[in-house]
Amino acid sequence: MNDGTLPAKYRVASVISGVVLLGVLWLILAAGGVIGRGSVPDGALTVSAWVLVGLFLLNTLGNLRGRHPLERWGFSAITAVLAVRCAAIAVYR
């Protein structure tokens, strides 16, 4: 019986994903000069952007399999757009 709580293995995966996203967010903001001095090497930014592309694509696939229409159509659209934008950062930086 499902009581609506997220199973432990998914909680751990969510925490790991959140830490990765925060780290990459910091890197992108630093590379853009929003925080720090913009001294992030281009290679680190490119790799991080491609990591985000992979994460967002996986997230999009998971959302498309969701039962709730908001998850399936709303969140999958958002994560798909984020994947495209991160690919643009990786390619055009």
Protein backbone atom coordinates (compact mmCIF):
# COMPACT_ATOMS: atom_id res chain seq x y z
CA MET A 1 0.00 0.00 0.00
CA ASN A 2 1.34 3.42 -0.95
CA ASP A 3 0.89 6.06 1.75
CA GLY A 4 2.09 8.85 -0.56
CA THR A 5 5.63 9.15 0.78
CA LEU A 6 8.63 8.84 -1.46
CA PRO A 7 10.58 5.58 -0.94
CA ALA A 8 14.03 5.91 0.65
CA LYS A 9 15.98 5.06 -2.52
CA TYR A 10 14.19 7.84 -4.42
CA ARG A 11 14.81 10.28 -1.58
CA VAL A 12 18.54 9.56 -1.78
CA ALA A 13 18.49 9.97 -5.57
CA SER A 14 16.64 13.28 -5.18
CA VAL A 15 19.21 14.60 -2.70
CA ILE A 16 22.10 13.60 -4.97
CA SER A 17 20.39 15.20 -7.96
CA GLY A 18 19.77 18.37 -5.96
CA VAL A 19 23.41 18.63 -4.90
CA VAL A 20 24.59 18.13 -8.49
CA LEU A 21 22.15 20.77 -9.74
CA LEU A 22 23.27 23.27 -7.11
CA GLY A 23 26.91 22.68 -7.99
CA VAL A 24 26.33 23.15 -11.69
CA LEU A 25 24.15 26.20 -11.04
CA TRP A 26 27.00 27.77 -9.08
CA LEU A 27 29.43 26.95 -11.88
CA ILE A 28 27.22 28.51 -14.57
CA LEU A 29 26.56 31.63 -12.49
CA ALA A 30 30.29 31.97 -11.79
CA ALA A 31 31.13 31.52 -15.47
CA GLY A 32 28.68 34.25 -16.38
CA GLY A 33 30.20 36.60 -13.81
CA VAL A 34 26.98 36.77 -11.78
CA ILE A 35 28.87 35.49 -8.74
CA GLY A 36 32.61 35.52 -8.30
CA ARG A 37 34.83 36.86 -11.04
CA GLY A 38 33.81 34.72 -14.01
CA SER A 39 37.02 32.72 -13.85
CA VAL A 40 35.53 29.30 -14.59
CA PRO A 41 37.45 27.41 -17.27
CA ASP A 42 35.42 26.90 -20.46
CA GLY A 43 35.96 23.13 -20.27
CA ALA A 44 34.39 22.90 -16.82
CA LEU A 45 31.37 24.89 -17.95
CA THR A 46 30.95 22.81 -21.10
CA VAL A 47 31.13 19.51 -19.21
CA SER A 48 28.72 20.79 -16.57
CA ALA A 49 26.26 21.97 -19.19
CA TRP A 50 26.32 18.54 -20.88
CA VAL A 51 25.79 16.86 -17.50
CA LEU A 52 22.71 19.03 -17.07
CA VAL A 53 21.50 18.13 -20.56
CA GLY A 54 21.66 14.46 -19.57
CA LEU A 55 19.93 15.03 -16.24
CA PHE A 56 17.16 17.10 -17.78
CA LEU A 57 16.60 14.61 -20.60
CA LEU A 58 16.31 11.75 -18.10
CA ASN A 59 13.99 13.88 -16.02
CA THR A 60 11.88 14.65 -19.09
CA LEU A 61 11.54 10.95 -19.88
CA GLY A 62 10.53 10.24 -16.29
CA ASN A 63 7.99 13.06 -16.31
CA LEU A 64 6.49 11.83 -19.59
CA ARG A 65 5.79 8.51 -17.88
CA GLY A 66 4.08 10.22 -14.95
CA ARG A 67 0.44 9.66 -14.11
CA HIS A 68 -0.51 13.22 -13.35
CA PRO A 69 -1.17 15.53 -16.35
CA LEU A 70 0.81 18.36 -14.75
CA GLU A 71 3.83 16.12 -14.41
CA ARG A 72 3.42 14.61 -17.87
CA TRP A 73 2.75 17.80 -19.83
CA GLY A 74 3.89 20.69 -17.61
CA PHE A 75 7.07 19.46 -15.97
CA SER A 76 8.22 17.44 -18.97
CA ALA A 77 7.95 20.57 -21.14
CA ILE A 78 9.94 22.61 -18.61
CA THR A 79 12.74 20.05 -18.30
CA ALA A 80 12.88 19.60 -22.09
CA VAL A 81 13.34 23.36 -22.55
CA LEU A 82 16.03 23.37 -19.84
CA ALA A 83 17.85 20.55 -21.66
CA VAL A 84 17.83 22.54 -24.91
CA ARG A 85 19.03 25.70 -23.17
CA CYS A 86 21.88 23.85 -21.44
CA ALA A 87 22.89 22.30 -24.78
CA ALA A 88 23.00 25.83 -26.22
CA ILE A 89 25.29 26.92 -23.35
CA ALA A 90 27.55 23.93 -23.99
CA VAL A 91 27.75 24.52 -27.75
CA TYR A 92 27.88 28.32 -27.97
CA ARG A 93 29.95 29.22 -24.88
